[in-house]
Structures are given as C-alpha cells and as structure tokens.
Amino acid sequence: MARDTTDQTPLSSVQDLTDYIAAGNKPRERFRIGTEHEKFAFFRADNSPVPYFGDASISALLTGLQAKSGWEPIVDGGNIIGLAEQNGMGAISIEPGGQFELSGAPLETIHETCRESNQHLATLREIAEPMGIRFLGIGGSPKWTYAETPQMPKSRYEIMTRYMPKVGSQGLDMMYRTCTIQVNLDFSSEDDMRKKMRVSMKLQSLATALFASSPFTEGKPNGLLSWRGAIWRDVDNRRAGLLDFTFRDDFGFRDYAEWALDAPMYFIVREGRYHDCTHVTFRQFMNGALKGEIADPAPTMGDWTNHLSTLFPDVRLKRFLEMRGADGGPWRRICALPAFWVGLLYDDAALDAADQLTKDWSFAEIGALRDAVPAQALKADFRGHPLFDMAREVVGISRAGLKARGKLNGEGQDETIFLAPLDEVLAKKATLAEDLLSLYHGRWNGSVEPVFEDYQY
C-alpha cells in the first residue's frame, strides 16, 4: 500500500465496517486485475544494498521517477516514500528494507498488466543505470544480514519494527528481507467472494510451492525452497496465516470484519502524525480505548482502511481479494502469478472445478501442507501423493479458465501463454529455488554472488 488514507468519515457500528468491505461488490464487466511486485535494489559494483539517502539511493530513484512520470510524490516526515499515479490507479512504494514495489493499476487483461510491469521495469532501469543500481527478482534476500539491510524512513515501518519482535520470531525478516508478487482480484457478491476466498485460501500453499524462489540467506543455502513461506508461519499469528472461518458455508463480510476488529492495531494518523496503537485492538478503539491518549480519538473510515492494510492472512479481503502466497521472481513470473489466479477465479467453470477439487480438504490438511511446502515445495506429500500431481491438475484448470476468457475477449487475447513459467516448473519437476541451488552447487561454485547478475531486472 503506497499511501495511508485520512478519510474522516466517522464510524459508529460494526455494520459500517462491514458495509465498507461489501462496497467492493461489482458486476463482472468491471472485474479488473491489479498486479503488485517487489524487487531488491542493489549496487552492481559490489552487490550491496541501496540506502535511502544519498546521490545514488532509494530517494534518488523515487525523485527521478517522479520527474519522468509526473506522478504525485507521497511524503512522510519530509521524505519521499512513494509515488501515486495522477488518476489514483497505480502507485510505487518502498518496503521496509528498500524493496521497490509497483502496485499496478486495475487492468482488464494479463496482456495489459504484463505490459505495465515491463514498462515500469524499463523506466526504472533508465533512472537506476546511471546510479549503478539494478534490481534482483527472487523471494528472499540472498546475501545481506538484517543489520546490513537499510531501513526506510516511513512512520508505519518504525512502529512495525518495534512491535514485530513482541509477537513472533520472523516479523523483521518478513519486513526487511523478502519480496513477493501479488494479484488483487474482484468479486461480484458476498457469495462470489466466499467461493473465491475459500478456493484461494486452500490453494495458496500450492502457489507458494510453484513460485518458490528463496533458498539462500546470508550467502548460503538456508535448507528451504521458500524461506519467505517459512517466515510467514511465525510473523504475528493474530493477524496472519490461514483463517478457518473462511471455509464455513455461511462465511461473509461481517465475519471478516469481526476478525479484523480483534486484531491489534498498528497506528492511527492524525494531522500527518502516526500514533502507535499496538496496545489496543480495533474493537477496543471503537469502544473508546484511546480517549485521553490522543486529541482526536474517534474512529474514522480512514482508520479502518489503514487497519485492513495491516492484516496479513494468506488471502486478504479489502474491497477486493489479495493473493499473498507467492515469492518474488524474474519478470516472466510477474505475469504468471496473475495468470494463474485469473484463470482459476474469473471463469465460472474453472472456479467451480477448483471448488469441487478442494471441497473436502480439511483445515488441518491445509495447515499441514502450509507447514511442509517451505522445505519441500512440490515434493510435499498431500494425501499420499507429491503436491506436484495436484499442481499439474490445478494449473490445468487455470489454463482452461484462461482459454474461456480468451474466447470471450476475442482474437489475440489468449492469456494461457503467461502460464509458461509454471509449465516449465511442471515439466522439469523442479522449482526456481531448486534451479538456484543447482547453480550454487555447480556453475556458481558455492557462491550466491552470481544470482545478482543472472536474475537481475
């Protein structure tokens, strides 16, 4: 999320919170695809991380992009921390460790979202090249320690950095040393949201396996294929992970709002200042817990919107559904991730097929799979078979869904081509993480340094 909101609309009830989420309902013809991706900025000279301040820096990249694009700068404490497209559709932001993120505009096809990402990378490289900066597309920081990783001057991150060690062992690594690709997708009704949430929550670990690309930490193999996936098992379990209530037949917007109400807050923003609110839940806030602590303690819609953006379940519900399972990766995977989920969720027949396939998967089974995938990826056991077998079937359903979309959208709109990186994984029976490990033990001669050259944007 590039910008924290300051919507001053007052809140008076849980129904207000529920109605906010439900307002995401839209007709099918208005369904869009919003793709996000993060990447690590590094100096080509020595593969060191790029700091925020300086002539060659994260702030200089943002300033250069602002001048070239005309996008509106987002400022926090006098520092530029992101850019917003003039029409409010797309945004560029920085993650806590300087990871550079494009939050793409809501677009109609994978072709458009792929062109958007490629154009962004080309423009960014034009700005970065004179500074000696490039970008790495994998899921976990392969070399830098936490101490070596720069910290961005962003108020919400300062609060999170203090809070994370209190609620889990991996929160700081999540913030500072991982990258992801995500896609945001729409729903038409509460029933449609329920079905899409149920299917995507169950299949998120399979996406983690398919996109696994974080086998290195601090210069050596970490014993995992998706270190990022393992990290999410212990970040802050009151606001992250699997949500069992989403599998109920009567799950709805109100249930998610009630769950979010009981998650601890991070902050509220008043007159441009961030107030640390990690000691209260949003429900306690609604009940007056901050009276006497701040000058304006009445909850607003901006507070609720910001709070929803600080929750980290495997699938996040806002006014759209956000798929959160995949590691970051090379540019082709920025197109493959939305293709995978669009094929599954935006065609009725494909969604029905995925729902039927996963219908009897229990919460315990899905949790066990989520625990196994970071180390084993597609070799993880699921009901007596390697997850690879299920992955092949699910990618097939996605392909059928994309083909159906192509017929509806007309000639030249075949989106199945964007599944090619996943087809390669299935053909080789090896993830990108396993490819990286083979290179490490082979041509790279036990060094992670070549990853910066071979997998840069």
Protein backbone atom coordinates (compact mmCIF):
# COMPACT_ATOMS: atom_id res chain seq x y z
CA MET A 1 0.00 0.00 0.00
CA ALA A 2 1.61 3.25 -1.11
CA ARG A 3 -0.39 5.78 0.90
CA ASP A 4 -2.16 5.59 4.25
CA THR A 5 -5.58 7.19 3.97
CA THR A 6 -7.08 10.00 6.02
CA ASP A 7 -10.78 9.57 5.21
CA GLN A 8 -12.54 11.41 8.06
CA THR A 9 -15.94 9.69 7.66
CA PRO A 10 -16.98 8.77 11.22
CA LEU A 11 -17.63 5.15 12.22
CA SER A 12 -20.47 4.21 14.54
CA SER A 13 -21.01 0.45 14.22
CA VAL A 14 -19.67 -2.87 13.01
CA GLN A 15 -22.15 -2.58 10.16
CA ASP A 16 -20.26 0.50 8.91
CA LEU A 17 -17.10 -1.60 8.77
CA THR A 18 -18.87 -4.47 7.03
CA ASP A 19 -20.53 -2.15 4.52
CA TYR A 20 -17.15 -0.69 3.60
CA ILE A 21 -15.86 -4.12 2.53
CA ALA A 22 -19.14 -5.09 0.85
CA ALA A 23 -18.93 -1.96 -1.30
CA GLY A 24 -16.28 -3.87 -3.26
CA ASN A 25 -19.04 -5.84 -5.00
CA LYS A 26 -19.07 -5.04 -8.70
CA PRO A 27 -20.57 -6.51 -11.88
CA ARG A 28 -18.42 -8.96 -13.84
CA GLU A 29 -17.81 -6.47 -16.64
CA ARG A 30 -15.99 -4.27 -14.14
CA PHE A 31 -13.69 -7.05 -12.89
CA ARG A 32 -10.07 -5.97 -13.09
CA ILE A 33 -6.58 -7.34 -12.39
CA GLY A 34 -4.20 -5.44 -10.10
CA THR A 35 -0.67 -6.87 -10.03
CA GLU A 36 1.96 -5.94 -7.46
CA HIS A 37 5.60 -6.93 -7.38
CA GLU A 38 8.61 -6.16 -5.21
CA LYS A 39 12.33 -6.36 -6.00
CA PHE A 40 15.62 -5.83 -4.19
CA ALA A 41 17.69 -2.78 -5.19
CA PHE A 42 21.46 -3.35 -5.25
CA PHE A 43 24.66 -1.71 -6.47
CA ARG A 44 26.19 -3.52 -9.43
CA ALA A 45 29.72 -2.75 -8.23
CA ASP A 46 29.57 -4.96 -5.14
CA ASN A 47 26.02 -6.32 -4.83
CA SER A 48 25.44 -4.23 -1.71
CA PRO A 49 22.01 -2.88 -0.74
CA VAL A 50 20.92 0.62 -1.76
CA PRO A 51 20.36 3.07 1.15
CA TYR A 52 17.53 5.56 1.36
CA PHE A 53 19.65 8.75 1.45
CA GLY A 54 22.35 9.90 -0.96
CA ASP A 55 23.01 10.77 -4.59
CA ALA A 56 22.59 7.11 -5.59
CA SER A 57 19.78 5.95 -3.35
CA ILE A 58 16.16 4.89 -3.00
CA SER A 59 15.10 8.52 -2.55
CA ALA A 60 17.01 9.49 -5.71
CA LEU A 61 15.26 6.72 -7.65
CA LEU A 62 11.87 7.95 -6.47
CA THR A 63 12.74 11.56 -7.28
CA GLY A 64 13.95 10.56 -10.74
CA LEU A 65 10.83 8.54 -11.43
CA GLN A 66 8.63 11.38 -10.23
CA ALA A 67 10.31 13.81 -12.62
CA LYS A 68 9.98 11.38 -15.53
CA SER A 69 6.42 10.17 -14.88
CA GLY A 70 4.78 13.22 -13.39
CA TRP A 71 3.23 11.03 -10.71
CA GLU A 72 2.44 12.70 -7.40
CA PRO A 73 5.08 12.27 -4.68
CA ILE A 74 3.99 10.72 -1.39
CA VAL A 75 5.85 12.28 1.53
CA ASP A 76 6.23 11.13 5.13
CA GLY A 77 8.16 13.27 7.60
CA GLY A 78 9.62 15.33 4.76
CA ASN A 79 10.92 12.23 2.93
CA ILE A 80 9.60 10.97 -0.39
CA ILE A 81 8.37 7.41 0.23
CA GLY A 82 6.33 6.67 -2.89
CA LEU A 83 4.53 7.94 -5.97
CA ALA A 84 0.85 7.90 -6.90
CA GLU A 85 -0.47 7.97 -10.45
CA GLN A 86 -2.49 11.12 -11.08
CA ASN A 87 -5.74 9.18 -11.59
CA GLY A 88 -5.15 7.26 -8.36
CA MET A 89 -4.90 3.93 -10.15
CA GLY A 90 -1.27 2.84 -9.83
CA ALA A 91 1.41 3.53 -7.23
CA ILE A 92 5.06 2.98 -6.42
CA SER A 93 6.12 2.39 -2.85
CA ILE A 94 9.07 1.19 -0.83
CA GLU A 95 9.07 -1.72 1.57
CA PRO A 96 10.91 -1.53 4.91
CA GLY A 97 14.29 -2.74 3.60
CA GLY A 98 14.20 -0.65 0.44
CA GLN A 99 12.41 -3.25 -1.68
CA PHE A 100 10.93 -1.33 -4.61
CA GLU A 101 7.27 -2.07 -5.29
CA LEU A 102 4.94 -1.38 -8.18
CA SER A 103 1.25 -1.55 -7.24
CA GLY A 104 -0.23 -1.78 -10.68
CA ALA A 105 -3.41 -0.16 -11.93
CA PRO A 106 -6.58 -2.29 -12.19
CA LEU A 107 -6.46 -3.58 -15.77
CA GLU A 108 -8.68 -5.83 -17.89
CA THR A 109 -6.24 -8.44 -19.22
CA ILE A 110 -2.98 -10.16 -18.32
CA HIS A 111 -1.54 -8.69 -21.53
CA GLU A 112 -2.10 -5.20 -20.13
CA THR A 113 -0.75 -5.95 -16.67
CA CYS A 114 2.32 -7.63 -18.20
CA ARG A 115 2.99 -4.61 -20.42
CA GLU A 116 2.57 -2.35 -17.39
CA SER A 117 5.18 -4.27 -15.38
CA ASN A 118 7.62 -4.38 -18.28
CA GLN A 119 7.25 -0.65 -18.90
CA HIS A 120 7.81 0.05 -15.21
CA LEU A 121 10.97 -2.06 -15.16
CA ALA A 122 12.30 -0.39 -18.32
CA THR A 123 11.67 3.11 -16.96
CA LEU A 124 13.12 2.23 -13.57
CA ARG A 125 16.26 0.81 -15.16
CA GLU A 126 16.68 4.01 -17.19
CA ILE A 127 16.72 6.00 -13.93
CA ALA A 128 18.81 3.46 -11.99
CA GLU A 129 21.51 2.69 -14.56
CA PRO A 130 23.46 5.97 -14.18
CA MET A 131 23.49 5.36 -10.42
CA GLY A 132 24.94 1.87 -10.85
CA ILE A 133 21.77 0.33 -9.42
CA ARG A 134 19.99 -2.81 -10.60
CA PHE A 135 17.16 -4.91 -9.18
CA LEU A 136 17.00 -8.56 -8.14
CA GLY A 137 13.88 -10.66 -8.70
CA ILE A 138 13.74 -13.52 -6.18
CA GLY A 139 11.76 -14.12 -3.00
CA GLY A 140 14.37 -13.66 -0.28
CA SER A 141 17.44 -11.50 0.28
CA PRO A 142 20.24 -13.94 -0.63
CA LYS A 143 23.19 -12.18 0.95
CA TRP A 144 22.57 -9.30 3.34
CA THR A 145 22.15 -9.73 7.08
CA TYR A 146 19.37 -7.88 8.84
CA ALA A 147 21.98 -5.46 10.22
CA GLU A 148 23.29 -4.77 6.70
CA THR A 149 19.84 -4.10 5.31
CA PRO A 150 18.88 -0.41 5.14
CA GLN A 151 15.77 0.89 6.89
CA MET A 152 13.39 3.23 5.12
CA PRO A 153 12.18 6.40 6.92
CA LYS A 154 8.49 5.53 6.87
CA SER A 155 6.43 6.06 10.02
CA ARG A 156 4.34 2.90 9.82
CA TYR A 157 7.54 0.83 9.46
CA GLU A 158 9.07 2.37 12.57
CA ILE A 159 6.04 1.27 14.56
CA MET A 160 6.05 -2.21 13.00
CA THR A 161 9.79 -2.65 13.62
CA ARG A 162 9.31 -2.02 17.33
CA TYR A 163 6.25 -4.25 17.52
CA MET A 164 7.16 -7.31 15.44
CA PRO A 165 9.64 -8.93 17.88
CA LYS A 166 6.92 -8.90 20.55
CA VAL A 167 4.50 -11.10 18.57
CA GLY A 168 6.63 -13.52 16.52
CA SER A 169 10.15 -14.58 15.66
CA GLN A 170 10.14 -13.79 11.93
CA GLY A 171 8.44 -10.42 11.53
CA LEU A 172 11.57 -8.38 10.91
CA ASP A 173 12.82 -10.82 8.28
CA MET A 174 9.41 -10.61 6.59
CA MET A 175 9.59 -6.83 6.52
CA TYR A 176 13.19 -6.32 5.53
CA ARG A 177 14.38 -9.39 3.65
CA THR A 178 11.56 -10.79 1.48
CA CYS A 179 9.89 -9.93 -1.81
CA THR A 180 6.59 -11.07 -3.29
CA ILE A 181 4.38 -10.97 -6.35
CA GLN A 182 0.67 -10.48 -5.60
CA VAL A 183 -2.53 -10.03 -7.55
CA ASN A 184 -5.73 -8.29 -6.49
CA LEU A 185 -8.99 -9.64 -7.89
CA ASP A 186 -12.65 -8.64 -7.71
CA PHE A 187 -15.88 -10.28 -6.60
CA SER A 188 -19.48 -9.66 -7.63
CA SER A 189 -21.34 -10.54 -4.42
CA GLU A 190 -20.90 -11.99 -0.96
CA ASP A 191 -21.46 -15.48 -2.38
CA ASP A 192 -18.86 -14.89 -5.08
CA MET A 193 -16.38 -13.52 -2.53
CA ARG A 194 -16.97 -16.53 -0.27
CA LYS A 195 -16.29 -19.03 -3.03
CA LYS A 196 -13.18 -17.22 -4.28
CA MET A 197 -11.86 -16.77 -0.75
CA ARG A 198 -12.40 -20.45 0.06
CA VAL A 199 -10.68 -21.71 -3.09
CA SER A 200 -7.76 -19.30 -2.97
CA MET A 201 -7.15 -19.78 0.76
CA LYS A 202 -6.93 -23.55 0.21
CA LEU A 203 -4.63 -23.23 -2.82
CA GLN A 204 -2.31 -20.54 -1.52
CA SER A 205 0.31 -23.04 -0.35
CA LEU A 206 0.31 -24.61 -3.79
CA ALA A 207 1.11 -21.17 -5.21
CA THR A 208 3.93 -20.87 -2.67
CA ALA A 209 5.33 -24.16 -3.94
CA LEU A 210 5.05 -23.24 -7.63
CA PHE A 211 6.71 -19.85 -7.11
CA ALA A 212 9.31 -20.91 -4.51
CA SER A 213 12.47 -18.85 -5.06
CA SER A 214 14.10 -18.06 -1.71
CA PRO A 215 16.65 -20.81 -0.92
CA PHE A 216 19.50 -18.54 0.26
CA THR A 217 20.05 -16.48 3.40
CA GLU A 218 23.21 -14.58 4.32
CA GLY A 219 25.25 -16.07 1.50
CA LYS A 220 24.42 -19.76 1.78
CA PRO A 221 21.57 -22.24 1.36
CA ASN A 222 19.05 -21.97 4.20
CA GLY A 223 17.69 -25.51 3.90
CA LEU A 224 14.40 -24.28 2.43
CA LEU A 225 12.96 -23.67 -1.01
CA SER A 226 10.65 -20.87 0.12
CA TRP A 227 12.29 -19.17 3.07
CA ARG A 228 9.68 -16.48 2.65
CA GLY A 229 6.92 -19.09 3.04
CA ALA A 230 8.52 -20.37 6.24
CA ILE A 231 8.79 -16.85 7.64
CA TRP A 232 5.03 -16.33 7.38
CA ARG A 233 4.46 -19.21 9.80
CA ASP A 234 5.59 -17.03 12.72
CA VAL A 235 5.17 -13.33 11.99
CA ASP A 236 2.11 -12.41 14.06
CA ASN A 237 -0.46 -15.18 14.16
CA ARG A 238 -3.24 -12.87 15.38
CA ARG A 239 -3.19 -11.11 12.02
CA ALA A 240 -1.63 -13.63 9.61
CA GLY A 241 -1.95 -17.15 8.24
CA LEU A 242 -4.96 -19.35 7.48
CA LEU A 243 -8.43 -18.27 8.60
CA ASP A 244 -10.56 -21.30 9.43
CA PHE A 245 -13.83 -19.36 9.46
CA THR A 246 -13.45 -18.59 5.75
CA PHE A 247 -14.22 -22.25 5.00
CA ARG A 248 -17.69 -22.10 6.55
CA ASP A 249 -20.71 -22.24 4.26
CA ASP A 250 -22.12 -19.09 5.85
CA PHE A 251 -18.89 -17.05 5.85
CA GLY A 252 -19.47 -13.45 4.87
CA PHE A 253 -18.20 -9.89 5.00
CA ARG A 254 -19.32 -9.50 8.62
CA ASP A 255 -17.16 -12.44 9.75
CA TYR A 256 -14.03 -10.91 8.29
CA ALA A 257 -14.87 -7.55 9.86
CA GLU A 258 -15.35 -9.20 13.26
CA TRP A 259 -12.00 -10.98 12.95
CA ALA A 260 -10.27 -7.75 11.92
CA LEU A 261 -11.82 -5.93 14.87
CA ASP A 262 -10.00 -8.23 17.29
CA ALA A 263 -6.59 -7.87 15.63
CA PRO A 264 -4.18 -5.44 17.32
CA MET A 265 -3.79 -2.12 15.55
CA TYR A 266 -0.52 -0.64 14.35
CA PHE A 267 -1.33 3.07 14.21
CA ILE A 268 -3.74 5.87 13.50
CA VAL A 269 -2.84 9.04 11.61
CA ARG A 270 -3.85 12.45 12.97
CA GLU A 271 -2.76 15.68 11.28
CA GLY A 272 0.03 13.84 9.49
CA ARG A 273 1.40 12.25 12.64
CA TYR A 274 1.43 8.50 13.26
CA HIS A 275 0.35 7.37 16.74
CA ASP A 276 1.46 3.94 17.93
CA CYS A 277 -1.70 1.95 18.76
CA THR A 278 -0.24 -1.54 19.04
CA HIS A 279 -1.57 -1.85 22.59
CA VAL A 280 -5.24 -1.93 21.51
CA THR A 281 -7.42 -3.85 19.06
CA PHE A 282 -9.67 -2.04 16.64
CA ARG A 283 -12.67 -3.17 18.69
CA GLN A 284 -11.19 -1.57 21.79
CA PHE A 285 -10.51 1.55 19.73
CA MET A 286 -14.17 1.58 18.66
CA ASN A 287 -15.12 1.30 22.33
CA GLY A 288 -13.12 4.40 23.30
CA ALA A 289 -9.78 2.91 24.36
CA LEU A 290 -7.77 5.86 23.02
CA LYS A 291 -9.75 8.57 24.79
CA GLY A 292 -7.34 10.66 26.79
CA GLU A 293 -4.34 9.39 24.81
CA ILE A 294 -4.77 11.43 21.64
CA ALA A 295 -6.58 14.65 20.84
CA ASP A 296 -9.00 13.15 18.32
CA PRO A 297 -9.77 9.57 19.40
CA ALA A 298 -12.97 8.97 17.39
CA PRO A 299 -12.56 6.16 14.81
CA THR A 300 -12.82 7.11 11.14
CA MET A 301 -13.16 5.23 7.89
CA GLY A 302 -9.53 6.10 7.16
CA ASP A 303 -8.52 4.31 10.36
CA TRP A 304 -10.44 1.20 9.28
CA THR A 305 -9.00 1.26 5.75
CA ASN A 306 -5.47 1.55 7.11
CA HIS A 307 -6.10 -1.21 9.66
CA LEU A 308 -7.28 -3.61 6.94
CA SER A 309 -3.99 -2.98 5.12
CA THR A 310 -2.03 -4.14 8.20
CA LEU A 311 -3.65 -7.59 8.32
CA PHE A 312 -1.71 -10.41 6.67
CA PRO A 313 -3.80 -13.56 6.14
CA ASP A 314 -2.81 -15.78 3.22
CA VAL A 315 -5.69 -14.17 1.30
CA ARG A 316 -6.53 -10.63 2.38
CA LEU A 317 -10.01 -9.19 2.00
CA LYS A 318 -10.44 -5.49 1.42
CA ARG A 319 -12.70 -4.27 -1.37
CA PHE A 320 -11.02 -6.99 -3.41
CA LEU A 321 -9.19 -10.23 -2.70
CA GLU A 322 -5.41 -10.18 -2.47
CA MET A 323 -3.41 -13.35 -3.22
CA ARG A 324 -0.41 -13.32 -0.88
CA GLY A 325 1.32 -16.72 -1.21
CA ALA A 326 3.98 -16.30 -3.90
CA ASP A 327 7.67 -15.48 -3.66
CA GLY A 328 9.03 -12.74 -5.86
CA GLY A 329 10.74 -13.79 -9.07
CA PRO A 330 12.00 -12.95 -12.56
CA TRP A 331 9.91 -10.75 -14.83
CA ARG A 332 8.03 -13.60 -16.53
CA ARG A 333 6.65 -14.63 -13.15
CA ILE A 334 5.21 -11.17 -12.63
CA CYS A 335 2.88 -12.11 -15.48
CA ALA A 336 2.48 -15.78 -14.48
CA LEU A 337 1.13 -15.14 -10.99
CA PRO A 338 -1.92 -13.10 -12.08
CA ALA A 339 -2.48 -15.52 -14.97
CA PHE A 340 -2.60 -18.46 -12.55
CA TRP A 341 -5.20 -16.84 -10.29
CA VAL A 342 -7.26 -15.14 -13.00
CA GLY A 343 -7.63 -18.47 -14.77
CA LEU A 344 -8.89 -20.08 -11.57
CA LEU A 345 -11.16 -17.34 -10.26
CA TYR A 346 -12.51 -15.27 -13.17
CA ASP A 347 -14.15 -18.08 -15.17
CA ASP A 348 -17.21 -19.72 -13.64
CA ALA A 349 -16.44 -23.23 -14.89
CA ALA A 350 -12.84 -23.06 -13.67
CA LEU A 351 -13.90 -21.68 -10.29
CA ASP A 352 -16.46 -24.47 -9.93
CA ALA A 353 -13.84 -27.05 -10.86
CA ALA A 354 -11.32 -25.67 -8.35
CA ASP A 355 -14.03 -25.52 -5.68
CA GLN A 356 -15.01 -29.14 -6.30
CA LEU A 357 -11.39 -30.27 -6.33
CA THR A 358 -10.70 -28.71 -2.93
CA LYS A 359 -14.15 -29.16 -1.41
CA ASP A 360 -13.24 -31.85 1.11
CA TRP A 361 -9.80 -30.51 2.03
CA SER A 362 -9.78 -30.06 5.78
CA PHE A 363 -8.34 -27.12 7.66
CA ALA A 364 -5.83 -29.49 9.31
CA GLU A 365 -4.67 -30.82 5.93
CA ILE A 366 -4.22 -27.33 4.54
CA GLY A 367 -2.30 -26.27 7.63
CA ALA A 368 -0.01 -29.30 7.38
CA LEU A 369 0.61 -28.52 3.72
CA ARG A 370 1.41 -24.92 4.59
CA ASP A 371 4.00 -26.20 7.07
CA ALA A 372 5.56 -28.66 4.60
CA VAL A 373 5.77 -26.53 1.47
CA PRO A 374 8.59 -24.13 2.50
CA ALA A 375 11.06 -27.02 2.73
CA GLN A 376 9.63 -29.44 0.18
CA ALA A 377 7.64 -27.30 -2.32
CA LEU A 378 6.09 -29.58 -4.95
CA LYS A 379 7.59 -32.68 -3.32
CA ALA A 380 5.47 -32.14 -0.20
CA ASP A 381 3.10 -35.01 0.48
CA PHE A 382 -0.60 -34.40 0.05
CA ARG A 383 -2.91 -37.33 0.63
CA GLY A 384 -0.21 -39.84 -0.22
CA HIS A 385 0.97 -38.14 -3.40
CA PRO A 386 3.52 -35.39 -4.14
CA LEU A 387 1.95 -31.96 -4.38
CA PHE A 388 3.30 -31.90 -7.92
CA ASP A 389 0.35 -34.07 -9.01
CA MET A 390 -2.16 -31.61 -7.60
CA ALA A 391 -0.24 -28.67 -9.07
CA ARG A 392 -0.49 -30.15 -12.55
CA GLU A 393 -4.26 -30.53 -12.16
CA VAL A 394 -4.75 -27.01 -10.78
CA VAL A 395 -2.63 -25.38 -13.49
CA GLY A 396 -4.76 -27.30 -15.99
CA ILE A 397 -7.92 -25.80 -14.51
CA SER A 398 -6.34 -22.34 -14.68
CA ARG A 399 -5.41 -22.88 -18.31
CA ALA A 400 -8.99 -23.87 -19.16
CA GLY A 401 -10.25 -20.73 -17.42
CA LEU A 402 -7.87 -18.52 -19.38
CA LYS A 403 -8.87 -20.18 -22.64
CA ALA A 404 -12.52 -19.45 -21.88
CA ARG A 405 -11.64 -15.81 -21.17
CA GLY A 406 -9.81 -15.62 -24.49
CA LYS A 407 -12.88 -16.77 -26.38
CA LEU A 408 -14.95 -14.10 -24.66
CA ASN A 409 -12.40 -11.33 -25.16
CA GLY A 410 -11.81 -12.04 -28.84
CA GLU A 411 -8.90 -12.78 -31.12
CA GLY A 412 -5.40 -12.08 -29.87
CA GLN A 413 -6.38 -12.23 -26.21
CA ASP A 414 -5.04 -15.71 -25.41
CA GLU A 415 -3.67 -15.40 -21.88
CA THR A 416 -2.52 -19.01 -21.49
CA ILE A 417 0.92 -18.02 -22.78
CA PHE A 418 1.63 -16.41 -19.41
CA LEU A 419 1.48 -19.80 -17.68
CA ALA A 420 4.70 -20.81 -19.48
CA PRO A 421 6.95 -20.39 -16.39
CA LEU A 422 4.68 -22.76 -14.46
CA ASP A 423 4.62 -25.21 -17.36
CA GLU A 424 8.42 -25.24 -17.19
CA VAL A 425 8.36 -25.96 -13.46
CA LEU A 426 5.96 -28.84 -14.02
CA ALA A 427 7.92 -30.20 -16.99
CA LYS A 428 11.21 -30.21 -15.05
CA LYS A 429 9.57 -31.19 -11.76
CA ALA A 430 11.79 -28.52 -10.20
CA THR A 431 11.06 -25.08 -8.78
CA LEU A 432 13.11 -21.97 -9.41
CA ALA A 433 14.55 -22.43 -5.91
CA GLU A 434 15.87 -25.86 -6.92
CA ASP A 435 17.33 -24.36 -10.11
CA LEU A 436 19.11 -21.76 -7.99
CA LEU A 437 20.51 -24.42 -5.68
CA SER A 438 21.77 -26.44 -8.66
CA LEU A 439 23.57 -23.35 -9.93
CA TYR A 440 25.02 -22.68 -6.47
CA HIS A 441 26.43 -26.20 -6.22
CA GLY A 442 27.53 -26.18 -9.88
CA ARG A 443 28.44 -23.25 -12.11
CA TRP A 444 28.36 -20.69 -9.28
CA ASN A 445 30.99 -22.65 -7.29
CA GLY A 446 29.33 -22.28 -3.90
CA SER A 447 28.70 -18.55 -4.17
CA VAL A 448 25.43 -16.57 -4.21
CA GLU A 449 27.08 -13.56 -5.87
CA PRO A 450 26.18 -14.67 -9.44
CA VAL A 451 22.46 -14.55 -8.59
CA PHE A 452 22.68 -10.75 -8.79
CA GLU A 453 23.90 -10.96 -12.38
CA ASP A 454 21.78 -13.87 -13.58
CA TYR A 455 18.44 -12.86 -12.04
CA GLN A 456 18.52 -9.06 -12.23
CA TYR A 457 15.89 -6.98 -13.96
